[in-house]
Amino acid sequence: MSGFKGNFGGFNMQQLMKQAQKMQEQMENAKKELQESEFEAQSGGGMVKVVMTGDKKLKSINLKPEIVDPEDIEMLQDLIIAAINDAVAQIEKVENDKNPGLPGLM
């Protein structure tokens, strides 16, 4: 083993560590970029709009006055839920596109 210089089967461990560190930095940059992004979703033909940040925090809800019907609060609630779920789905798609094969790491 006197000729041992950190090579394993032709792989240089130092180079592998540098590549791993670079990948980690790229993942952190992608995560930060995603968190700083905003995602808008709407339902009810644009009557309900929501904006969420990439870290899945609700930033705003915008309701058109004509969608507010005191006699049908359930519909308004459903439209808000649909818009929020759409925004979350958009964020998760971007997460998965940026890190295929590594779900949940973002």
PDB file of N, CA and C in Angstrom:
ATOM      1  N   MET A   1       0.811  -1.196   0.000  1.00  0.00           N
ATOM      2  CA  MET A   1       0.000   0.000   0.000  1.00  0.00           C
ATOM      3  C   MET A   1       0.850   1.254   0.000  1.00  0.00           C
ATOM      4  N   SER A   2       2.126   1.109  -0.209  1.00  0.00           N
ATOM      5  CA  SER A   2       2.978   2.290  -0.198  1.00  0.00           C
ATOM      6  C   SER A   2       2.674   3.218  -1.367  1.00  0.00           C
ATOM      7  N   GLY A   3       2.051   2.710  -2.443  1.00  0.00           N
ATOM      8  CA  GLY A   3       1.721   3.538  -3.593  1.00  0.00           C
ATOM      9  C   GLY A   3       0.345   4.187  -3.474  1.00  0.00           C
ATOM     10  N   PHE A   4      -0.330   4.086  -2.334  1.00  0.00           N
ATOM     11  CA  PHE A   4      -1.672   4.633  -2.125  1.00  0.00           C
ATOM     12  C   PHE A   4      -1.629   6.158  -2.119  1.00  0.00           C
ATOM     13  N   LYS A   5      -2.394   6.789  -3.016  1.00  0.00           N
ATOM     14  CA  LYS A   5      -2.417   8.252  -3.113  1.00  0.00           C
ATOM     15  C   LYS A   5      -3.852   8.777  -3.161  1.00  0.00           C
ATOM     16  N   GLY A   6      -4.770   8.067  -2.553  1.00  0.00           N
ATOM     17  CA  GLY A   6      -6.151   8.539  -2.527  1.00  0.00           C
ATOM     18  C   GLY A   6      -6.945   8.131  -3.753  1.00  0.00           C
ATOM     19  N   ASN A   7      -6.475   7.186  -4.510  1.00  0.00           N
ATOM     20  CA  ASN A   7      -7.209   6.709  -5.681  1.00  0.00           C
ATOM     21  C   ASN A   7      -7.904   5.398  -5.361  1.00  0.00           C
ATOM     22  N   PHE A   8      -9.151   5.286  -5.794  1.00  0.00           N
ATOM     23  CA  PHE A   8      -9.904   4.059  -5.612  1.00  0.00           C
ATOM     24  C   PHE A   8     -10.421   3.647  -6.983  1.00  0.00           C
ATOM     25  N   GLY A   9      -9.841   2.605  -7.532  1.00  0.00           N
ATOM     26  CA  GLY A   9     -10.294   2.118  -8.828  1.00  0.00           C
ATOM     27  C   GLY A   9     -10.207   3.182  -9.907  1.00  0.00           C
ATOM     28  N   GLY A  10      -9.218   4.040  -9.850  1.00  0.00           N
ATOM     29  CA  GLY A  10      -9.060   5.088 -10.853  1.00  0.00           C
ATOM     30  C   GLY A  10      -9.758   6.391 -10.497  1.00  0.00           C
ATOM     31  N   PHE A  11     -10.471   6.421  -9.364  1.00  0.00           N
ATOM     32  CA  PHE A  11     -11.161   7.639  -8.948  1.00  0.00           C
ATOM     33  C   PHE A  11     -10.309   8.394  -7.937  1.00  0.00           C
ATOM     34  N   ASN A  12     -10.176   9.648  -8.126  1.00  0.00           N
ATOM     35  CA  ASN A  12      -9.458  10.507  -7.204  1.00  0.00           C
ATOM     36  C   ASN A  12     -10.462  11.018  -6.168  1.00  0.00           C
ATOM     37  N   MET A  13     -10.255  10.660  -4.909  1.00  0.00           N
ATOM     38  CA  MET A  13     -11.200  11.040  -3.847  1.00  0.00           C
ATOM     39  C   MET A  13     -11.306  12.554  -3.692  1.00  0.00           C
ATOM     40  N   GLN A  14     -10.208  13.237  -3.829  1.00  0.00           N
ATOM     41  CA  GLN A  14     -10.234  14.691  -3.684  1.00  0.00           C
ATOM     42  C   GLN A  14     -11.104  15.317  -4.778  1.00  0.00           C
ATOM     43  N   GLN A  15     -10.984  14.806  -5.988  1.00  0.00           N
ATOM     44  CA  GLN A  15     -11.783  15.316  -7.089  1.00  0.00           C
ATOM     45  C   GLN A  15     -13.265  14.993  -6.878  1.00  0.00           C
ATOM     46  N   LEU A  16     -13.542  13.796  -6.378  1.00  0.00           N
ATOM     47  CA  LEU A  16     -14.932  13.424  -6.092  1.00  0.00           C
ATOM     48  C   LEU A  16     -15.530  14.329  -5.020  1.00  0.00           C
ATOM     49  N   MET A  17     -14.748  14.653  -4.006  1.00  0.00           N
ATOM     50  CA  MET A  17     -15.229  15.538  -2.941  1.00  0.00           C
ATOM     51  C   MET A  17     -15.519  16.936  -3.486  1.00  0.00           C
ATOM     52  N   LYS A  18     -14.666  17.423  -4.375  1.00  0.00           N
ATOM     53  CA  LYS A  18     -14.886  18.735  -4.982  1.00  0.00           C
ATOM     54  C   LYS A  18     -16.159  18.730  -5.818  1.00  0.00           C
ATOM     55  N   GLN A  19     -16.380  17.650  -6.562  1.00  0.00           N
ATOM     56  CA  GLN A  19     -17.592  17.547  -7.377  1.00  0.00           C
ATOM     57  C   GLN A  19     -18.834  17.498  -6.494  1.00  0.00           C
ATOM     58  N   ALA A  20     -18.752  16.763  -5.395  1.00  0.00           N
ATOM     59  CA  ALA A  20     -19.886  16.678  -4.465  1.00  0.00           C
ATOM     60  C   ALA A  20     -20.178  18.041  -3.855  1.00  0.00           C
ATOM     61  N   GLN A  21     -19.133  18.772  -3.500  1.00  0.00           N
ATOM     62  CA  GLN A  21     -19.307  20.108  -2.925  1.00  0.00           C
ATOM     63  C   GLN A  21     -19.930  21.047  -3.958  1.00  0.00           C
ATOM     64  N   LYS A  22     -19.502  20.945  -5.205  1.00  0.00           N
ATOM     65  CA  LYS A  22     -20.049  21.784  -6.265  1.00  0.00           C
ATOM     66  C   LYS A  22     -21.527  21.476  -6.471  1.00  0.00           C
ATOM     67  N   MET A  23     -21.888  20.193  -6.454  1.00  0.00           N
ATOM     68  CA  MET A  23     -23.287  19.811  -6.598  1.00  0.00           C
ATOM     69  C   MET A  23     -24.121  20.348  -5.446  1.00  0.00           C
ATOM     70  N   GLN A  24     -23.573  20.301  -4.249  1.00  0.00           N
ATOM     71  CA  GLN A  24     -24.298  20.807  -3.081  1.00  0.00           C
ATOM     72  C   GLN A  24     -24.518  22.315  -3.219  1.00  0.00           C
ATOM     73  N   GLU A  25     -23.496  23.045  -3.685  1.00  0.00           N
ATOM     74  CA  GLU A  25     -23.633  24.489  -3.882  1.00  0.00           C
ATOM     75  C   GLU A  25     -24.684  24.790  -4.941  1.00  0.00           C
ATOM     76  N   GLN A  26     -24.707  24.006  -6.015  1.00  0.00           N
ATOM     77  CA  GLN A  26     -25.699  24.207  -7.067  1.00  0.00           C
ATOM     78  C   GLN A  26     -27.102  23.956  -6.537  1.00  0.00           C
ATOM     79  N   MET A  27     -27.255  22.927  -5.697  1.00  0.00           N
ATOM     80  CA  MET A  27     -28.559  22.640  -5.115  1.00  0.00           C
ATOM     81  C   MET A  27     -29.006  23.768  -4.186  1.00  0.00           C
ATOM     82  N   GLU A  28     -28.078  24.300  -3.406  1.00  0.00           N
ATOM     83  CA  GLU A  28     -28.412  25.406  -2.507  1.00  0.00           C
ATOM     84  C   GLU A  28     -28.811  26.650  -3.305  1.00  0.00           C
ATOM     85  N   ASN A  29     -28.092  26.914  -4.403  1.00  0.00           N
ATOM     86  CA  ASN A  29     -28.433  28.060  -5.245  1.00  0.00           C
ATOM     87  C   ASN A  29     -29.804  27.879  -5.886  1.00  0.00           C
ATOM     88  N   ALA A  30     -30.091  26.667  -6.352  1.00  0.00           N
ATOM     89  CA  ALA A  30     -31.398  26.381  -6.946  1.00  0.00           C
ATOM     90  C   ALA A  30     -32.504  26.533  -5.910  1.00  0.00           C
ATOM     91  N   LYS A  31     -32.248  26.079  -4.698  1.00  0.00           N
ATOM     92  CA  LYS A  31     -33.231  26.196  -3.620  1.00  0.00           C
ATOM     93  C   LYS A  31     -33.501  27.668  -3.302  1.00  0.00           C
ATOM     94  N   LYS A  32     -32.437  28.461  -3.211  1.00  0.00           N
ATOM     95  CA  LYS A  32     -32.594  29.889  -2.920  1.00  0.00           C
ATOM     96  C   LYS A  32     -33.356  30.584  -4.042  1.00  0.00           C
ATOM     97  N   GLU A  33     -33.011  30.249  -5.288  1.00  0.00           N
ATOM     98  CA  GLU A  33     -33.691  30.837  -6.438  1.00  0.00           C
ATOM     99  C   GLU A  33     -35.175  30.490  -6.418  1.00  0.00           C
ATOM    100  N   LEU A  34     -35.491  29.243  -6.102  1.00  0.00           N
ATOM    101  CA  LEU A  34     -36.884  28.820  -6.026  1.00  0.00           C
ATOM    102  C   LEU A  34     -37.618  29.576  -4.921  1.00  0.00           C
ATOM    103  N   GLN A  35     -37.001  29.693  -3.761  1.00  0.00           N
ATOM    104  CA  GLN A  35     -37.644  30.373  -2.639  1.00  0.00           C
ATOM    105  C   GLN A  35     -37.928  31.833  -2.949  1.00  0.00           C
ATOM    106  N   GLU A  36     -37.087  32.454  -3.757  1.00  0.00           N
ATOM    107  CA  GLU A  36     -37.270  33.864  -4.099  1.00  0.00           C
ATOM    108  C   GLU A  36     -38.253  34.059  -5.245  1.00  0.00           C
ATOM    109  N   SER A  37     -38.661  32.974  -5.893  1.00  0.00           N
ATOM    110  CA  SER A  37     -39.610  33.060  -7.002  1.00  0.00           C
ATOM    111  C   SER A  37     -41.029  33.198  -6.460  1.00  0.00           C
ATOM    112  N   GLU A  38     -41.892  33.749  -7.302  1.00  0.00           N
ATOM    113  CA  GLU A  38     -43.304  33.853  -6.955  1.00  0.00           C
ATOM    114  C   GLU A  38     -44.116  33.075  -7.974  1.00  0.00           C
ATOM    115  N   PHE A  39     -45.180  32.444  -7.503  1.00  0.00           N
ATOM    116  CA  PHE A  39     -46.054  31.643  -8.339  1.00  0.00           C
ATOM    117  C   PHE A  39     -47.473  32.155  -8.179  1.00  0.00           C
ATOM    118  N   GLU A  40     -48.107  32.453  -9.303  1.00  0.00           N
ATOM    119  CA  GLU A  40     -49.483  32.931  -9.279  1.00  0.00           C
ATOM    120  C   GLU A  40     -50.386  31.848  -9.847  1.00  0.00           C
ATOM    121  N   ALA A  41     -51.499  31.648  -9.184  1.00  0.00           N
ATOM    122  CA  ALA A  41     -52.494  30.701  -9.668  1.00  0.00           C
ATOM    123  C   ALA A  41     -53.858  31.347  -9.503  1.00  0.00           C
ATOM    124  N   GLN A  42     -54.792  30.888 -10.323  1.00  0.00           N
ATOM    125  CA  GLN A  42     -56.133  31.448 -10.244  1.00  0.00           C
ATOM    126  C   GLN A  42     -57.179  30.365 -10.447  1.00  0.00           C
ATOM    127  N   SER A  43     -58.381  30.689 -10.024  1.00  0.00           N
ATOM    128  CA  SER A  43     -59.516  29.785 -10.226  1.00  0.00           C
ATOM    129  C   SER A  43     -60.745  30.640 -10.488  1.00  0.00           C
ATOM    130  N   GLY A  44     -61.796  29.978 -10.893  1.00  0.00           N
ATOM    131  CA  GLY A  44     -63.039  30.715 -11.168  1.00  0.00           C
ATOM    132  C   GLY A  44     -62.879  31.706 -12.301  1.00  0.00           C
ATOM    133  N   GLY A  45     -62.091  31.345 -13.304  1.00  0.00           N
ATOM    134  CA  GLY A  45     -61.908  32.242 -14.445  1.00  0.00           C
ATOM    135  C   GLY A  45     -61.230  33.552 -14.065  1.00  0.00           C
ATOM    136  N   GLY A  46     -60.335  33.481 -13.092  1.00  0.00           N
ATOM    137  CA  GLY A  46     -59.609  34.678 -12.666  1.00  0.00           C
ATOM    138  C   GLY A  46     -60.279  35.434 -11.534  1.00  0.00           C
ATOM    139  N   MET A  47     -61.372  34.906 -11.027  1.00  0.00           N
ATOM    140  CA  MET A  47     -62.074  35.576  -9.924  1.00  0.00           C
ATOM    141  C   MET A  47     -61.292  35.482  -8.619  1.00  0.00           C
ATOM    142  N   VAL A  48     -60.516  34.419  -8.467  1.00  0.00           N
ATOM    143  CA  VAL A  48     -59.678  34.225  -7.284  1.00  0.00           C
ATOM    144  C   VAL A  48     -58.246  34.058  -7.771  1.00  0.00           C
ATOM    145  N   LYS A  49     -57.355  34.893  -7.251  1.00  0.00           N
ATOM    146  CA  LYS A  49     -55.939  34.786  -7.587  1.00  0.00           C
ATOM    147  C   LYS A  49     -55.131  34.710  -6.300  1.00  0.00           C
ATOM    148  N   VAL A  50     -54.137  33.824  -6.300  1.00  0.00           N
ATOM    149  CA  VAL A  50     -53.239  33.729  -5.158  1.00  0.00           C
ATOM    150  C   VAL A  50     -51.806  33.825  -5.664  1.00  0.00           C
ATOM    151  N   VAL A  51     -50.948  34.347  -4.812  1.00  0.00           N
ATOM    152  CA  VAL A  51     -49.515  34.400  -5.090  1.00  0.00           C
ATOM    153  C   VAL A  51     -48.817  33.725  -3.918  1.00  0.00           C
ATOM    154  N   MET A  52     -47.940  32.774  -4.263  1.00  0.00           N
ATOM    155  CA  MET A  52     -47.162  32.077  -3.249  1.00  0.00           C
ATOM    156  C   MET A  52     -45.689  32.205  -3.597  1.00  0.00           C
ATOM    157  N   THR A  53     -44.867  32.173  -2.566  1.00  0.00           N
ATOM    158  CA  THR A  53     -43.429  32.144  -2.786  1.00  0.00           C
ATOM    159  C   THR A  53     -43.005  30.691  -2.981  1.00  0.00           C
ATOM    160  N   GLY A  54     -41.810  30.505  -3.520  1.00  0.00           N
ATOM    161  CA  GLY A  54     -41.320  29.166  -3.809  1.00  0.00           C
ATOM    162  C   GLY A  54     -41.147  28.292  -2.593  1.00  0.00           C
ATOM    163  N   ASP A  55     -41.107  28.888  -1.413  1.00  0.00           N
ATOM    164  CA  ASP A  55     -41.024  28.082  -0.199  1.00  0.00           C
ATOM    165  C   ASP A  55     -42.419  27.822   0.381  1.00  0.00           C
ATOM    166  N   LYS A  56     -43.428  27.963  -0.491  1.00  0.00           N
ATOM    167  CA  LYS A  56     -44.821  27.618  -0.213  1.00  0.00           C
ATOM    168  C   LYS A  56     -45.464  28.472   0.872  1.00  0.00           C
ATOM    169  N   LYS A  57     -45.102  29.731   0.885  1.00  0.00           N
ATOM    170  CA  LYS A  57     -45.744  30.676   1.796  1.00  0.00           C
ATOM    171  C   LYS A  57     -46.718  31.524   0.978  1.00  0.00           C
ATOM    172  N   LEU A  58     -47.932  31.643   1.473  1.00  0.00           N
ATOM    173  CA  LEU A  58     -48.957  32.427   0.797  1.00  0.00           C
ATOM    174  C   LEU A  58     -48.611  33.905   0.933  1.00  0.00           C
ATOM    175  N   LYS A  59     -48.502  34.589  -0.189  1.00  0.00           N
ATOM    176  CA  LYS A  59     -48.126  36.009  -0.177  1.00  0.00           C
ATOM    177  C   LYS A  59     -49.354  36.908  -0.302  1.00  0.00           C
ATOM    178  N   SER A  60     -50.291  36.518  -1.183  1.00  0.00           N
ATOM    179  CA  SER A  60     -51.493  37.345  -1.328  1.00  0.00           C
ATOM    180  C   SER A  60     -52.646  36.528  -1.893  1.00  0.00           C
ATOM    181  N   ILE A  61     -53.840  37.017  -1.589  1.00  0.00           N
ATOM    182  CA  ILE A  61     -55.075  36.490  -2.168  1.00  0.00           C
ATOM    183  C   ILE A  61     -55.833  37.694  -2.704  1.00  0.00           C
ATOM    184  N   ASN A  62     -56.282  37.591  -3.957  1.00  0.00           N
ATOM    185  CA  ASN A  62     -57.036  38.672  -4.571  1.00  0.00           C
ATOM    186  C   ASN A  62     -58.377  38.107  -5.017  1.00  0.00           C
ATOM    187  N   LEU A  63     -59.457  38.693  -4.505  1.00  0.00           N
ATOM    188  CA  LEU A  63     -60.813  38.246  -4.848  1.00  0.00           C
ATOM    189  C   LEU A  63     -61.526  39.358  -5.614  1.00  0.00           C
ATOM    190  N   LYS A  64     -62.125  39.009  -6.737  1.00  0.00           N
ATOM    191  CA  LYS A  64     -62.965  39.972  -7.460  1.00  0.00           C
ATOM    192  C   LYS A  64     -64.252  40.132  -6.648  1.00  0.00           C
ATOM    193  N   PRO A  65     -64.709  41.346  -6.475  1.00  0.00           N
ATOM    194  CA  PRO A  65     -65.894  41.580  -5.625  1.00  0.00           C
ATOM    195  C   PRO A  65     -67.112  40.745  -6.025  1.00  0.00           C
ATOM    196  N   GLU A  66     -67.293  40.524  -7.320  1.00  0.00           N
ATOM    197  CA  GLU A  66     -68.489  39.806  -7.757  1.00  0.00           C
ATOM    198  C   GLU A  66     -68.491  38.322  -7.385  1.00  0.00           C
ATOM    199  N   ILE A  67     -67.331  37.790  -6.963  1.00  0.00           N
ATOM    200  CA  ILE A  67     -67.286  36.382  -6.558  1.00  0.00           C
ATOM    201  C   ILE A  67     -67.744  36.201  -5.106  1.00  0.00           C
ATOM    202  N   VAL A  68     -67.820  37.299  -4.376  1.00  0.00           N
ATOM    203  CA  VAL A  68     -68.205  37.218  -2.961  1.00  0.00           C
ATOM    204  C   VAL A  68     -69.733  37.239  -2.864  1.00  0.00           C
ATOM    205  N   ASP A  69     -70.280  36.060  -2.647  1.00  0.00           N
ATOM    206  CA  ASP A  69     -71.726  35.896  -2.516  1.00  0.00           C
ATOM    207  C   ASP A  69     -72.004  35.338  -1.127  1.00  0.00           C
ATOM    208  N   PRO A  70     -72.573  36.153  -0.238  1.00  0.00           N
ATOM    209  CA  PRO A  70     -72.843  35.676   1.129  1.00  0.00           C
ATOM    210  C   PRO A  70     -73.720  34.426   1.167  1.00  0.00           C
ATOM    211  N   GLU A  71     -74.473  34.190   0.110  1.00  0.00           N
ATOM    212  CA  GLU A  71     -75.339  33.020   0.050  1.00  0.00           C
ATOM    213  C   GLU A  71     -74.583  31.762  -0.390  1.00  0.00           C
ATOM    214  N   ASP A  72     -73.349  31.935  -0.887  1.00  0.00           N
ATOM    215  CA  ASP A  72     -72.603  30.781  -1.404  1.00  0.00           C
ATOM    216  C   ASP A  72     -71.127  30.857  -0.981  1.00  0.00           C
ATOM    217  N   ILE A  73     -70.894  30.885   0.307  1.00  0.00           N
ATOM    218  CA  ILE A  73     -69.544  30.945   0.853  1.00  0.00           C
ATOM    219  C   ILE A  73     -68.751  29.687   0.492  1.00  0.00           C
ATOM    220  N   GLU A  74     -69.423  28.547   0.410  1.00  0.00           N
ATOM    221  CA  GLU A  74     -68.736  27.294   0.085  1.00  0.00           C
ATOM    222  C   GLU A  74     -68.037  27.366  -1.263  1.00  0.00           C
ATOM    223  N   MET A  75     -68.681  27.973  -2.270  1.00  0.00           N
ATOM    224  CA  MET A  75     -68.050  28.085  -3.582  1.00  0.00           C
ATOM    225  C   MET A  75     -66.774  28.929  -3.489  1.00  0.00           C
ATOM    226  N   LEU A  76     -66.834  30.034  -2.772  1.00  0.00           N
ATOM    227  CA  LEU A  76     -65.664  30.893  -2.611  1.00  0.00           C
ATOM    228  C   LEU A  76     -64.537  30.133  -1.907  1.00  0.00           C
ATOM    229  N   GLN A  77     -64.870  29.398  -0.876  1.00  0.00           N
ATOM    230  CA  GLN A  77     -63.867  28.602  -0.176  1.00  0.00           C
ATOM    231  C   GLN A  77     -63.231  27.578  -1.118  1.00  0.00           C
ATOM    232  N   ASP A  78     -64.051  26.920  -1.920  1.00  0.00           N
ATOM    233  CA  ASP A  78     -63.537  25.930  -2.869  1.00  0.00           C
ATOM    234  C   ASP A  78     -62.616  26.576  -3.903  1.00  0.00           C
ATOM    235  N   LEU A  79     -62.974  27.752  -4.375  1.00  0.00           N
ATOM    236  CA  LEU A  79     -62.138  28.451  -5.360  1.00  0.00           C
ATOM    237  C   LEU A  79     -60.801  28.861  -4.761  1.00  0.00           C
ATOM    238  N   ILE A  80     -60.811  29.297  -3.509  1.00  0.00           N
ATOM    239  CA  ILE A  80     -59.559  29.664  -2.838  1.00  0.00           C
ATOM    240  C   ILE A  80     -58.680  28.428  -2.673  1.00  0.00           C
ATOM    241  N   ILE A  81     -59.266  27.345  -2.231  1.00  0.00           N
ATOM    242  CA  ILE A  81     -58.505  26.095  -2.064  1.00  0.00           C
ATOM    243  C   ILE A  81     -57.934  25.647  -3.398  1.00  0.00           C
ATOM    244  N   ALA A  82     -58.727  25.712  -4.465  1.00  0.00           N
ATOM    245  CA  ALA A  82     -58.260  25.285  -5.785  1.00  0.00           C
ATOM    246  C   ALA A  82     -57.078  26.131  -6.249  1.00  0.00           C
ATOM    247  N   ALA A  83     -57.146  27.435  -6.049  1.00  0.00           N
ATOM    248  CA  ALA A  83     -56.058  28.316  -6.470  1.00  0.00           C
ATOM    249  C   ALA A  83     -54.789  28.034  -5.674  1.00  0.00           C
ATOM    250  N   ILE A  84     -54.924  27.851  -4.374  1.00  0.00           N
ATOM    251  CA  ILE A  84     -53.752  27.559  -3.536  1.00  0.00           C
ATOM    252  C   ILE A  84     -53.137  26.221  -3.936  1.00  0.00           C
ATOM    253  N   ASN A  85     -53.963  25.212  -4.127  1.00  0.00           N
ATOM    254  CA  ASN A  85     -53.449  23.896  -4.525  1.00  0.00           C
ATOM    255  C   ASN A  85     -52.749  23.959  -5.874  1.00  0.00           C
ATOM    256  N   ASP A  86     -53.264  24.778  -6.798  1.00  0.00           N
ATOM    257  CA  ASP A  86     -52.616  24.932  -8.099  1.00  0.00           C
ATOM    258  C   ASP A  86     -51.247  25.585  -7.938  1.00  0.00           C
ATOM    259  N   ALA A  87     -51.149  26.599  -7.101  1.00  0.00           N
ATOM    260  CA  ALA A  87     -49.855  27.260  -6.877  1.00  0.00           C
ATOM    261  C   ALA A  87     -48.855  26.279  -6.269  1.00  0.00           C
ATOM    262  N   VAL A  88     -49.282  25.490  -5.298  1.00  0.00           N
ATOM    263  CA  VAL A  88     -48.404  24.492  -4.676  1.00  0.00           C
ATOM    264  C   VAL A  88     -47.951  23.468  -5.720  1.00  0.00           C
ATOM    265  N   ALA A  89     -48.857  23.042  -6.586  1.00  0.00           N
ATOM    266  CA  ALA A  89     -48.500  22.082  -7.636  1.00  0.00           C
ATOM    267  C   ALA A  89     -47.464  22.672  -8.589  1.00  0.00           C
ATOM    268  N   GLN A  90     -47.594  23.965  -8.911  1.00  0.00           N
ATOM    269  CA  GLN A  90     -46.597  24.632  -9.768  1.00  0.00           C
ATOM    270  C   GLN A  90     -45.222  24.618  -9.107  1.00  0.00           C
ATOM    271  N   ILE A  91     -45.187  24.937  -7.817  1.00  0.00           N
ATOM    272  CA  ILE A  91     -43.925  24.968  -7.079  1.00  0.00           C
ATOM    273  C   ILE A  91     -43.301  23.578  -7.049  1.00  0.00           C
ATOM    274  N   GLU A  92     -44.104  22.564  -6.755  1.00  0.00           N
ATOM    275  CA  GLU A  92     -43.582  21.198  -6.683  1.00  0.00           C
ATOM    276  C   GLU A  92     -43.081  20.712  -8.036  1.00  0.00           C
ATOM    277  N   LYS A  93     -43.722  21.142  -9.121  1.00  0.00           N
ATOM    278  CA  LYS A  93     -43.249  20.767 -10.452  1.00  0.00           C
ATOM    279  C   LYS A  93     -41.865  21.355 -10.707  1.00  0.00           C
ATOM    280  N   VAL A  94     -41.670  22.616 -10.339  1.00  0.00           N
ATOM    281  CA  VAL A  94     -40.360  23.249 -10.521  1.00  0.00           C
ATOM    282  C   VAL A  94     -39.321  22.541  -9.658  1.00  0.00           C
ATOM    283  N   GLU A  95     -39.683  22.203  -8.412  1.00  0.00           N
ATOM    284  CA  GLU A  95     -38.772  21.458  -7.544  1.00  0.00           C
ATOM    285  C   GLU A  95     -38.352  20.148  -8.191  1.00  0.00           C
ATOM    286  N   ASN A  96     -39.308  19.402  -8.702  1.00  0.00           N
ATOM    287  CA  ASN A  96     -39.011  18.107  -9.312  1.00  0.00           C
ATOM    288  C   ASN A  96     -38.234  18.250 -10.610  1.00  0.00           C
ATOM    289  N   ASP A  97     -38.512  19.297 -11.382  1.00  0.00           N
ATOM    290  CA  ASP A  97     -37.783  19.516 -12.627  1.00  0.00           C
ATOM    291  C   ASP A  97     -36.327  19.870 -12.369  1.00  0.00           C
ATOM    292  N   LYS A  98     -36.080  20.619 -11.292  1.00  0.00           N
ATOM    293  CA  LYS A  98     -34.716  21.027 -10.974  1.00  0.00           C
ATOM    294  C   LYS A  98     -33.908  19.918 -10.316  1.00  0.00           C
ATOM    295  N   ASN A  99     -34.578  18.975  -9.696  1.00  0.00           N
ATOM    296  CA  ASN A  99     -33.894  17.895  -8.983  1.00  0.00           C
ATOM    297  C   ASN A  99     -34.567  16.558  -9.266  1.00  0.00           C
ATOM    298  N   PRO A 100     -34.540  16.097 -10.510  1.00  0.00           N
ATOM    299  CA  PRO A 100     -35.152  14.793 -10.780  1.00  0.00           C
ATOM    300  C   PRO A 100     -34.406  13.683 -10.051  1.00  0.00           C
ATOM    301  N   GLY A 101     -35.147  12.788  -9.450  1.00  0.00           N
ATOM    302  CA  GLY A 101     -34.533  11.684  -8.733  1.00  0.00           C
ATOM    303  C   GLY A 101     -34.136  12.023  -7.306  1.00  0.00           C
ATOM    304  N   LEU A 102     -34.334  13.267  -6.900  1.00  0.00           N
ATOM    305  CA  LEU A 102     -34.004  13.675  -5.538  1.00  0.00           C
ATOM    306  C   LEU A 102     -35.209  14.350  -4.882  1.00  0.00           C
ATOM    307  N   PRO A 103     -36.344  13.675  -4.809  1.00  0.00           N
ATOM    308  CA  PRO A 103     -37.546  14.315  -4.263  1.00  0.00           C
ATOM    309  C   PRO A 103     -37.376  14.669  -2.802  1.00  0.00           C
ATOM    310  N   GLY A 104     -37.961  15.811  -2.447  1.00  0.00           N
ATOM    311  CA  GLY A 104     -37.968  16.212  -1.054  1.00  0.00           C
ATOM    312  C   GLY A 104     -36.695  16.858  -0.553  1.00  0.00           C
ATOM    313  N   LEU A 105     -35.711  17.005  -1.391  1.00  0.00           N
ATOM    314  CA  LEU A 105     -34.461  17.621  -0.923  1.00  0.00           C
ATOM    315  C   LEU A 105     -34.504  19.121  -1.002  1.00  0.00           C
ATOM    316  N   MET A 106     -35.480  19.676  -1.684  1.00  0.00           N
ATOM    317  CA  MET A 106     -35.564  21.118  -1.785  1.00  0.00           C
ATOM    318  C   MET A 106     -36.239  21.584  -0.562  1.00  0.00           C
TER     319      MET A 106
END
